[in-house]
PDB file of N, CA and C in Angstrom:
ATOM      1  N   MET A   1      71.571 105.836 106.362  1.00  0.00           N
ATOM      2  CA  MET A   1      72.838 105.224 106.734  1.00  0.00           C
ATOM      3  C   MET A   1      73.782 106.326 107.215  1.00  0.00           C
ATOM      4  N   ALA A   2      74.403 106.135 108.350  1.00  0.00           N
ATOM      5  CA  ALA A   2      75.323 107.122 108.905  1.00  0.00           C
ATOM      6  C   ALA A   2      76.570 107.237 108.032  1.00  0.00           C
ATOM      7  N   GLN A   3      77.062 108.434 107.887  1.00  0.00           N
ATOM      8  CA  GLN A   3      78.250 108.708 107.087  1.00  0.00           C
ATOM      9  C   GLN A   3      79.453 108.880 108.001  1.00  0.00           C
ATOM     10  N   THR A   4      80.639 108.584 107.476  1.00  0.00           N
ATOM     11  CA  THR A   4      81.875 108.791 108.218  1.00  0.00           C
ATOM     12  C   THR A   4      82.899 109.395 107.265  1.00  0.00           C
ATOM     13  N   THR A   5      83.949 109.942 107.820  1.00  0.00           N
ATOM     14  CA  THR A   5      85.004 110.570 107.020  1.00  0.00           C
ATOM     15  C   THR A   5      86.228 109.681 107.010  1.00  0.00           C
ATOM     16  N   VAL A   6      86.826 109.540 105.844  1.00  0.00           N
ATOM     17  CA  VAL A   6      88.070 108.781 105.688  1.00  0.00           C
ATOM     18  C   VAL A   6      89.105 109.743 105.113  1.00  0.00           C
ATOM     19  N   ASN A   7      90.251 109.835 105.762  1.00  0.00           N
ATOM     20  CA  ASN A   7      91.337 110.687 105.257  1.00  0.00           C
ATOM     21  C   ASN A   7      92.438 109.815 104.680  1.00  0.00           C
ATOM     22  N   ILE A   8      92.895 110.154 103.480  1.00  0.00           N
ATOM     23  CA  ILE A   8      94.014 109.428 102.885  1.00  0.00           C
ATOM     24  C   ILE A   8      95.063 110.438 102.431  1.00  0.00           C
ATOM     25  N   ARG A   9      96.299 109.973 102.353  1.00  0.00           N
ATOM     26  CA  ARG A   9      97.388 110.822 101.891  1.00  0.00           C
ATOM     27  C   ARG A   9      97.863 110.287 100.553  1.00  0.00           C
ATOM     28  N   MET A  10      98.125 111.203  99.617  1.00  0.00           N
ATOM     29  CA  MET A  10      98.676 110.803  98.336  1.00  0.00           C
ATOM     30  C   MET A  10      99.452 111.965  97.738  1.00  0.00           C
ATOM     31  N   ASP A  11     100.262 111.645  96.776  1.00  0.00           N
ATOM     32  CA  ASP A  11     101.052 112.634  96.065  1.00  0.00           C
ATOM     33  C   ASP A  11     100.115 113.682  95.448  1.00  0.00           C
ATOM     34  N   GLU A  12     100.518 114.941  95.528  1.00  0.00           N
ATOM     35  CA  GLU A  12      99.681 116.039  95.041  1.00  0.00           C
ATOM     36  C   GLU A  12      99.393 115.917  93.542  1.00  0.00           C
ATOM     37  N   THR A  13     100.391 115.529  92.766  1.00  0.00           N
ATOM     38  CA  THR A  13     100.190 115.375  91.322  1.00  0.00           C
ATOM     39  C   THR A  13      99.198 114.257  91.037  1.00  0.00           C
ATOM     40  N   LEU A  14      99.323 113.153  91.754  1.00  0.00           N
ATOM     41  CA  LEU A  14      98.388 112.040  91.584  1.00  0.00           C
ATOM     42  C   LEU A  14      96.969 112.481  91.913  1.00  0.00           C
ATOM     43  N   LYS A  15      96.810 113.260  92.985  1.00  0.00           N
ATOM     44  CA  LYS A  15      95.479 113.742  93.367  1.00  0.00           C
ATOM     45  C   LYS A  15      94.876 114.588  92.250  1.00  0.00           C
ATOM     46  N   LYS A  16      95.673 115.478  91.681  1.00  0.00           N
ATOM     47  CA  LYS A  16      95.170 116.326  90.590  1.00  0.00           C
ATOM     48  C   LYS A  16      94.782 115.488  89.379  1.00  0.00           C
ATOM     49  N   GLN A  17      95.577 114.477  89.071  1.00  0.00           N
ATOM     50  CA  GLN A  17      95.253 113.593  87.953  1.00  0.00           C
ATOM     51  C   GLN A  17      93.959 112.830  88.235  1.00  0.00           C
ATOM     52  N   LEU A  18      93.801 112.361  89.476  1.00  0.00           N
ATOM     53  CA  LEU A  18      92.594 111.633  89.850  1.00  0.00           C
ATOM     54  C   LEU A  18      91.376 112.542  89.820  1.00  0.00           C
ATOM     55  N   GLU A  19      91.530 113.780  90.302  1.00  0.00           N
ATOM     56  CA  GLU A  19      90.421 114.739  90.250  1.00  0.00           C
ATOM     57  C   GLU A  19      89.978 114.966  88.802  1.00  0.00           C
ATOM     58  N   TRP A  20      90.947 115.114  87.905  1.00  0.00           N
ATOM     59  CA  TRP A  20      90.616 115.323  86.496  1.00  0.00           C
ATOM     60  C   TRP A  20      89.862 114.114  85.942  1.00  0.00           C
ATOM     61  N   LEU A  21      90.396 112.898  86.191  1.00  0.00           N
ATOM     62  CA  LEU A  21      89.762 111.686  85.687  1.00  0.00           C
ATOM     63  C   LEU A  21      88.339 111.552  86.221  1.00  0.00           C
ATOM     64  N   CYS A  22      88.183 111.706  87.516  1.00  0.00           N
ATOM     65  CA  CYS A  22      86.852 111.587  88.123  1.00  0.00           C
ATOM     66  C   CYS A  22      85.904 112.631  87.537  1.00  0.00           C
ATOM     67  N   SER A  23      86.384 113.841  87.337  1.00  0.00           N
ATOM     68  CA  SER A  23      85.558 114.892  86.745  1.00  0.00           C
ATOM     69  C   SER A  23      85.116 114.499  85.339  1.00  0.00           C
ATOM     70  N   GLU A  24      86.028 113.936  84.560  1.00  0.00           N
ATOM     71  CA  GLU A  24      85.698 113.488  83.208  1.00  0.00           C
ATOM     72  C   GLU A  24      84.647 112.377  83.243  1.00  0.00           C
ATOM     73  N   LEU A  25      84.669 111.584  84.299  1.00  0.00           N
ATOM     74  CA  LEU A  25      83.702 110.492  84.455  1.00  0.00           C
ATOM     75  C   LEU A  25      82.423 110.946  85.156  1.00  0.00           C
ATOM     76  N   GLY A  26      82.366 112.226  85.526  1.00  0.00           N
ATOM     77  CA  GLY A  26      81.165 112.774  86.152  1.00  0.00           C
ATOM     78  C   GLY A  26      81.002 112.428  87.609  1.00  0.00           C
ATOM     79  N   MET A  27      82.121 112.290  88.324  1.00  0.00           N
ATOM     80  CA  MET A  27      82.038 111.965  89.750  1.00  0.00           C
ATOM     81  C   MET A  27      83.160 112.646  90.509  1.00  0.00           C
ATOM     82  N   SER A  28      83.067 112.604  91.812  1.00  0.00           N
ATOM     83  CA  SER A  28      84.110 113.135  92.685  1.00  0.00           C
ATOM     84  C   SER A  28      85.045 112.002  93.103  1.00  0.00           C
ATOM     85  N   ILE A  29      86.156 112.370  93.716  1.00  0.00           N
ATOM     86  CA  ILE A  29      87.045 111.344  94.265  1.00  0.00           C
ATOM     87  C   ILE A  29      86.310 110.553  95.340  1.00  0.00           C
ATOM     88  N   SER A  30      85.510 111.224  96.138  1.00  0.00           N
ATOM     89  CA  SER A  30      84.751 110.545  97.189  1.00  0.00           C
ATOM     90  C   SER A  30      83.832 109.476  96.588  1.00  0.00           C
ATOM     91  N   THR A  31      83.156 109.812  95.497  1.00  0.00           N
ATOM     92  CA  THR A  31      82.287 108.838  94.842  1.00  0.00           C
ATOM     93  C   THR A  31      83.097 107.676  94.287  1.00  0.00           C
ATOM     94  N   ALA A  32      84.242 107.973  93.674  1.00  0.00           N
ATOM     95  CA  ALA A  32      85.089 106.917  93.108  1.00  0.00           C
ATOM     96  C   ALA A  32      85.570 105.965  94.201  1.00  0.00           C
ATOM     97  N   VAL A  33      85.974 106.507  95.336  1.00  0.00           N
ATOM     98  CA  VAL A  33      86.436 105.658  96.439  1.00  0.00           C
ATOM     99  C   VAL A  33      85.275 104.825  96.976  1.00  0.00           C
ATOM    100  N   THR A  34      84.095 105.407  97.048  1.00  0.00           N
ATOM    101  CA  THR A  34      82.916 104.656  97.502  1.00  0.00           C
ATOM    102  C   THR A  34      82.596 103.517  96.537  1.00  0.00           C
ATOM    103  N   VAL A  35      82.668 103.784  95.236  1.00  0.00           N
ATOM    104  CA  VAL A  35      82.446 102.726  94.239  1.00  0.00           C
ATOM    105  C   VAL A  35      83.475 101.612  94.432  1.00  0.00           C
ATOM    106  N   PHE A  36      84.741 101.994  94.615  1.00  0.00           N
ATOM    107  CA  PHE A  36      85.797 101.007  94.867  1.00  0.00           C
ATOM    108  C   PHE A  36      85.461 100.175  96.101  1.00  0.00           C
ATOM    109  N   ALA A  37      85.105 100.841  97.206  1.00  0.00           N
ATOM    110  CA  ALA A  37      84.836 100.143  98.466  1.00  0.00           C
ATOM    111  C   ALA A  37      83.650  99.187  98.339  1.00  0.00           C
ATOM    112  N   LYS A  38      82.581  99.648  97.701  1.00  0.00           N
ATOM    113  CA  LYS A  38      81.403  98.786  97.543  1.00  0.00           C
ATOM    114  C   LYS A  38      81.726  97.566  96.684  1.00  0.00           C
ATOM    115  N   THR A  39      82.477  97.773  95.618  1.00  0.00           N
ATOM    116  CA  THR A  39      82.850  96.652  94.751  1.00  0.00           C
ATOM    117  C   THR A  39      83.760  95.681  95.490  1.00  0.00           C
ATOM    118  N   ALA A  40      84.743  96.194  96.232  1.00  0.00           N
ATOM    119  CA  ALA A  40      85.656  95.335  96.985  1.00  0.00           C
ATOM    120  C   ALA A  40      84.898  94.497  98.015  1.00  0.00           C
ATOM    121  N   VAL A  41      83.963  95.108  98.734  1.00  0.00           N
ATOM    122  CA  VAL A  41      83.194  94.384  99.752  1.00  0.00           C
ATOM    123  C   VAL A  41      82.280  93.349  99.091  1.00  0.00           C
ATOM    124  N   ARG A  42      81.595  93.761  98.011  1.00  0.00           N
ATOM    125  CA  ARG A  42      80.674  92.839  97.342  1.00  0.00           C
ATOM    126  C   ARG A  42      81.411  91.627  96.769  1.00  0.00           C
ATOM    127  N   GLU A  43      82.575  91.866  96.137  1.00  0.00           N
ATOM    128  CA  GLU A  43      83.329  90.782  95.495  1.00  0.00           C
ATOM    129  C   GLU A  43      84.324  90.111  96.430  1.00  0.00           C
ATOM    130  N   ARG A  44      84.500  90.706  97.626  1.00  0.00           N
ATOM    131  CA  ARG A  44      85.440  90.178  98.625  1.00  0.00           C
ATOM    132  C   ARG A  44      86.853  90.055  98.069  1.00  0.00           C
ATOM    133  N   ARG A  45      87.253  91.072  97.302  1.00  0.00           N
ATOM    134  CA  ARG A  45      88.603  91.120  96.724  1.00  0.00           C
ATOM    135  C   ARG A  45      88.874  92.540  96.266  1.00  0.00           C
ATOM    136  N   ILE A  46      90.139  92.845  96.007  1.00  0.00           N
ATOM    137  CA  ILE A  46      90.485  94.112  95.364  1.00  0.00           C
ATOM    138  C   ILE A  46      89.989  93.985  93.918  1.00  0.00           C
ATOM    139  N   PRO A  47      89.184  94.919  93.431  1.00  0.00           N
ATOM    140  CA  PRO A  47      88.536  94.721  92.136  1.00  0.00           C
ATOM    141  C   PRO A  47      89.405  95.015  90.906  1.00  0.00           C
ATOM    142  N   PHE A  48      90.674  94.763  91.025  1.00  0.00           N
ATOM    143  CA  PHE A  48      91.577  94.848  89.888  1.00  0.00           C
ATOM    144  C   PHE A  48      92.805  94.027  90.208  1.00  0.00           C
ATOM    145  N   GLU A  49      93.556  93.678  89.175  1.00  0.00           N
ATOM    146  CA  GLU A  49      94.733  92.820  89.346  1.00  0.00           C
ATOM    147  C   GLU A  49      95.885  93.604  89.962  1.00  0.00           C
ATOM    148  N   LEU A  50      96.517  93.015  90.958  1.00  0.00           N
ATOM    149  CA  LEU A  50      97.723  93.583  91.557  1.00  0.00           C
ATOM    150  C   LEU A  50      98.886  92.671  91.197  1.00  0.00           C
ATOM    151  N   ARG A  51      99.951  93.227  90.647  1.00  0.00           N
ATOM    152  CA  ARG A  51     101.112  92.409  90.311  1.00  0.00           C
ATOM    153  C   ARG A  51     102.358  93.267  90.303  1.00  0.00           C
ATOM    154  N   MET A  52     103.465  92.587  90.415  1.00  0.00           N
ATOM    155  CA  MET A  52     104.757  93.258  90.417  1.00  0.00           C
ATOM    156  C   MET A  52     105.164  93.553  88.981  1.00  0.00           C
ATOM    157  N   PRO A  53     105.901  94.651  88.765  1.00  0.00           N
ATOM    158  CA  PRO A  53     106.418  94.898  87.420  1.00  0.00           C
ATOM    159  C   PRO A  53     107.478  93.850  87.091  1.00  0.00           C
ATOM    160  N   PRO A  54     107.723  93.609  85.794  1.00  0.00           N
ATOM    161  CA  PRO A  54     108.751  92.628  85.456  1.00  0.00           C
ATOM    162  C   PRO A  54     110.109  93.066  85.993  1.00  0.00           C
ATOM    163  N   PRO A  55     110.958  92.112  86.383  1.00  0.00           N
ATOM    164  CA  PRO A  55     112.274  92.495  86.900  1.00  0.00           C
ATOM    165  C   PRO A  55     113.122  93.109  85.793  1.00  0.00           C
ATOM    166  N   ASN A  56     113.841  94.130  86.150  1.00  0.00           N
ATOM    167  CA  ASN A  56     114.753  94.805  85.230  1.00  0.00           C
ATOM    168  C   ASN A  56     114.141  95.052  83.853  1.00  0.00           C
ATOM    169  N   PRO A  57     113.112  95.905  83.776  1.00  0.00           N
ATOM    170  CA  PRO A  57     112.518  96.154  82.469  1.00  0.00           C
ATOM    171  C   PRO A  57     113.551  96.763  81.522  1.00  0.00           C
ATOM    172  N   PRO A  58     113.461  96.448  80.232  1.00  0.00           N
ATOM    173  CA  PRO A  58     114.437  97.009  79.304  1.00  0.00           C
ATOM    174  C   PRO A  58     114.343  98.526  79.280  1.00  0.00           C
ATOM    175  N   THR A  59     115.470  99.158  79.121  1.00  0.00           N
ATOM    176  CA  THR A  59     115.532 100.614  79.102  1.00  0.00           C
ATOM    177  C   THR A  59     115.486 101.093  77.660  1.00  0.00           C
ATOM    178  N   ALA A  60     114.587 102.005  77.368  1.00  0.00           N
ATOM    179  CA  ALA A  60     114.521 102.578  76.031  1.00  0.00           C
ATOM    180  C   ALA A  60     115.763 103.419  75.796  1.00  0.00           C
ATOM    181  N   MET A  61     116.234 103.404  74.568  1.00  0.00           N
ATOM    182  CA  MET A  61     117.433 104.150  74.213  1.00  0.00           C
ATOM    183  C   MET A  61     117.296 105.620  74.616  1.00  0.00           C
ATOM    184  N   GLU A  62     116.092 106.175  74.454  1.00  0.00           N
ATOM    185  CA  GLU A  62     115.880 107.589  74.769  1.00  0.00           C
ATOM    186  C   GLU A  62     116.044 107.882  76.260  1.00  0.00           C
ATOM    187  N   ASP A  63     115.878 106.848  77.102  1.00  0.00           N
ATOM    188  CA  ASP A  63     115.965 107.036  78.547  1.00  0.00           C
ATOM    189  C   ASP A  63     117.377 106.841  79.087  1.00  0.00           C
ATOM    190  N   MET A  64     118.309 106.419  78.222  1.00  0.00           N
ATOM    191  CA  MET A  64     119.678 106.146  78.667  1.00  0.00           C
ATOM    192  C   MET A  64     120.527 107.414  78.618  1.00  0.00           C
ATOM    193  N   THR A  65     121.482 107.463  79.534  1.00  0.00           N
ATOM    194  CA  THR A  65     122.492 108.514  79.435  1.00  0.00           C
ATOM    195  C   THR A  65     123.455 108.121  78.315  1.00  0.00           C
ATOM    196  N   LYS A  66     124.252 109.053  77.884  1.00  0.00           N
ATOM    197  CA  LYS A  66     125.242 108.759  76.837  1.00  0.00           C
ATOM    198  C   LYS A  66     126.189 107.654  77.311  1.00  0.00           C
ATOM    199  N   GLU A  67     126.569 107.695  78.582  1.00  0.00           N
ATOM    200  CA  GLU A  67     127.477 106.695  79.130  1.00  0.00           C
ATOM    201  C   GLU A  67     126.835 105.307  79.134  1.00  0.00           C
ATOM    202  N   GLU A  68     125.549 105.226  79.530  1.00  0.00           N
ATOM    203  CA  GLU A  68     124.850 103.937  79.532  1.00  0.00           C
ATOM    204  C   GLU A  68     124.725 103.377  78.118  1.00  0.00           C
ATOM    205  N   PHE A  69     124.381 104.246  77.165  1.00  0.00           N
ATOM    206  CA  PHE A  69     124.255 103.815  75.775  1.00  0.00           C
ATOM    207  C   PHE A  69     125.589 103.292  75.260  1.00  0.00           C
ATOM    208  N   ASN A  70     126.654 104.038  75.502  1.00  0.00           N
ATOM    209  CA  ASN A  70     127.978 103.615  75.047  1.00  0.00           C
ATOM    210  C   ASN A  70     128.399 102.297  75.692  1.00  0.00           C
ATOM    211  N   ALA A  71     128.044 102.097  76.965  1.00  0.00           N
ATOM    212  CA  ALA A  71     128.383 100.847  77.650  1.00  0.00           C
ATOM    213  C   ALA A  71     127.642  99.669  77.009  1.00  0.00           C
ATOM    214  N   LYS A  72     126.373  99.866  76.621  1.00  0.00           N
ATOM    215  CA  LYS A  72     125.618  98.795  75.956  1.00  0.00           C
ATOM    216  C   LYS A  72     126.245  98.455  74.604  1.00  0.00           C
ATOM    217  N   ILE A  73     126.618  99.471  73.854  1.00  0.00           N
ATOM    218  CA  ILE A  73     127.261  99.245  72.558  1.00  0.00           C
ATOM    219  C   ILE A  73     128.574  98.489  72.754  1.00  0.00           C
ATOM    220  N   GLN A  74     129.352  98.909  73.735  1.00  0.00           N
ATOM    221  CA  GLN A  74     130.636  98.254  73.988  1.00  0.00           C
ATOM    222  C   GLN A  74     130.441  96.802  74.407  1.00  0.00           C
ATOM    223  N   ALA A  75     129.429  96.530  75.231  1.00  0.00           N
ATOM    224  CA  ALA A  75     129.154  95.157  75.652  1.00  0.00           C
ATOM    225  C   ALA A  75     128.813  94.290  74.441  1.00  0.00           C
ATOM    226  N   GLY A  76     128.050  94.838  73.501  1.00  0.00           N
ATOM    227  CA  GLY A  76     127.734  94.107  72.286  1.00  0.00           C
ATOM    228  C   GLY A  76     128.974  93.838  71.449  1.00  0.00           C
ATOM    229  N   LEU A  77     129.829  94.831  71.316  1.00  0.00           N
ATOM    230  CA  LEU A  77     131.080  94.655  70.569  1.00  0.00           C
ATOM    231  C   LEU A  77     131.983  93.635  71.244  1.00  0.00           C
ATOM    232  N   ASP A  78     132.044  93.674  72.561  1.00  0.00           N
ATOM    233  CA  ASP A  78     132.862  92.701  73.301  1.00  0.00           C
ATOM    234  C   ASP A  78     132.350  91.281  73.068  1.00  0.00           C
ATOM    235  N   ALA A  79     131.036  91.107  73.031  1.00  0.00           N
ATOM    236  CA  ALA A  79     130.452  89.785  72.792  1.00  0.00           C
ATOM    237  C   ALA A  79     130.810  89.281  71.394  1.00  0.00           C
ATOM    238  N   VAL A  80     130.763  90.175  70.408  1.00  0.00           N
ATOM    239  CA  VAL A  80     131.134  89.796  69.040  1.00  0.00           C
ATOM    240  C   VAL A  80     132.599  89.382  68.993  1.00  0.00           C
ATOM    241  N   MET A  81     133.461  90.189  69.585  1.00  0.00           N
ATOM    242  CA  MET A  81     134.905  89.923  69.548  1.00  0.00           C
ATOM    243  C   MET A  81     135.251  88.624  70.290  1.00  0.00           C
ATOM    244  N   ALA A  82     134.481  88.294  71.314  1.00  0.00           N
ATOM    245  CA  ALA A  82     134.750  87.080  72.091  1.00  0.00           C
ATOM    246  C   ALA A  82     134.106  85.848  71.448  1.00  0.00           C
ATOM    247  N   GLY A  83     133.397  86.037  70.345  1.00  0.00           N
ATOM    248  CA  GLY A  83     132.777  84.908  69.662  1.00  0.00           C
ATOM    249  C   GLY A  83     131.528  84.383  70.328  1.00  0.00           C
ATOM    250  N   ARG A  84     130.879  85.197  71.189  1.00  0.00           N
ATOM    251  CA  ARG A  84     129.675  84.753  71.885  1.00  0.00           C
ATOM    252  C   ARG A  84     128.409  84.997  71.066  1.00  0.00           C
ATOM    253  N   VAL A  85     128.564  85.545  69.873  1.00  0.00           N
ATOM    254  CA  VAL A  85     127.426  85.762  68.983  1.00  0.00           C
ATOM    255  C   VAL A  85     127.787  85.209  67.614  1.00  0.00           C
ATOM    256  N   ARG A  86     126.763  85.011  66.791  1.00  0.00           N
ATOM    257  CA  ARG A  86     127.030  84.530  65.442  1.00  0.00           C
ATOM    258  C   ARG A  86     126.105  85.244  64.473  1.00  0.00           C
ATOM    259  N   PRO A  87     126.378  85.197  63.211  1.00  0.00           N
ATOM    260  CA  PRO A  87     125.554  85.921  62.241  1.00  0.00           C
ATOM    261  C   PRO A  87     124.102  85.445  62.265  1.00  0.00           C
ATOM    262  N   ALA A  88     123.187  86.363  62.089  1.00  0.00           N
ATOM    263  CA  ALA A  88     121.763  86.040  62.074  1.00  0.00           C
ATOM    264  C   ALA A  88     121.453  85.024  60.982  1.00  0.00           C
ATOM    265  N   LYS A  89     122.122  85.140  59.845  1.00  0.00           N
ATOM    266  CA  LYS A  89     121.894  84.203  58.741  1.00  0.00           C
ATOM    267  C   LYS A  89     122.103  82.764  59.207  1.00  0.00           C
ATOM    268  N   ASP A  90     123.167  82.519  59.961  1.00  0.00           N
ATOM    269  CA  ASP A  90     123.440  81.168  60.468  1.00  0.00           C
ATOM    270  C   ASP A  90     122.368  80.714  61.460  1.00  0.00           C
ATOM    271  N   ALA A  91     121.933  81.615  62.311  1.00  0.00           N
ATOM    272  CA  ALA A  91     120.901  81.272  63.297  1.00  0.00           C
ATOM    273  C   ALA A  91     119.601  80.908  62.594  1.00  0.00           C
ATOM    274  N   PHE A  92     119.219  81.670  61.572  1.00  0.00           N
ATOM    275  CA  PHE A  92     117.985  81.367  60.840  1.00  0.00           C
ATOM    276  C   PHE A  92     118.085  80.046  60.089  1.00  0.00           C
ATOM    277  N   LEU A  93     119.235  79.761  59.509  1.00  0.00           N
ATOM    278  CA  LEU A  93     119.418  78.474  58.823  1.00  0.00           C
ATOM    279  C   LEU A  93     119.267  77.315  59.811  1.00  0.00           C
ATOM    280  N   ASP A  94     119.833  77.466  61.015  1.00  0.00           N
ATOM    281  CA  ASP A  94     119.689  76.429  62.039  1.00  0.00           C
ATOM    282  C   ASP A  94     118.226  76.229  62.433  1.00  0.00           C
ATOM    283  N   MET A  95     117.473  77.327  62.569  1.00  0.00           N
ATOM    284  CA  MET A  95     116.051  77.214  62.917  1.00  0.00           C
ATOM    285  C   MET A  95     115.276  76.527  61.793  1.00  0.00           C
ATOM    286  N   GLN A  96     115.607  76.859  60.546  1.00  0.00           N
ATOM    287  CA  GLN A  96     114.924  76.209  59.424  1.00  0.00           C
ATOM    288  C   GLN A  96     115.181  74.704  59.425  1.00  0.00           C
ATOM    289  N   ARG A  97     116.435  74.329  59.698  1.00  0.00           N
ATOM    290  CA  ARG A  97     116.782  72.893  59.764  1.00  0.00           C
ATOM    291  C   ARG A  97     116.036  72.224  60.916  1.00  0.00           C
ATOM    292  N   LYS A  98     116.027  72.866  62.071  1.00  0.00           N
ATOM    293  CA  LYS A  98     115.437  72.278  63.260  1.00  0.00           C
ATOM    294  C   LYS A  98     113.922  72.181  63.180  1.00  0.00           C
ATOM    295  N   PHE A  99     113.276  73.243  62.682  1.00  0.00           N
ATOM    296  CA  PHE A  99     111.818  73.291  62.705  1.00  0.00           C
ATOM    297  C   PHE A  99     111.180  73.065  61.340  1.00  0.00           C
ATOM    298  N   GLY A 100     112.007  72.890  60.314  1.00  0.00           N
ATOM    299  CA  GLY A 100     111.490  72.563  58.990  1.00  0.00           C
ATOM    300  C   GLY A 100     110.655  73.641  58.343  1.00  0.00           C
ATOM    301  N   THR A 101     111.007  74.877  58.597  1.00  0.00           N
ATOM    302  CA  THR A 101     110.228  75.957  57.979  1.00  0.00           C
ATOM    303  C   THR A 101     110.968  76.561  56.809  1.00  0.00           C
TER     304      THR A 101
END
């Protein structure tokens, strides 16, 4: 079977990570891409799920700036002061009444 060359561009760090992974699996990037291509052609689909990340994923406290953290705390305090929240004890009692648990 005649061989051909395919050139792709990717981030240098990603390439190094992929080289390491492929090496750990006992193959080259070229072999991994060939496995991908053969599977895609045989199954007539991309051989893994493609999906969008959830909208506005929650931010971990460690990833927030001090200003962002303080703004979240203030928003919570504002909600309490405006009466938009209620004690957890009351919420649990309502759930027990509603669902009989």
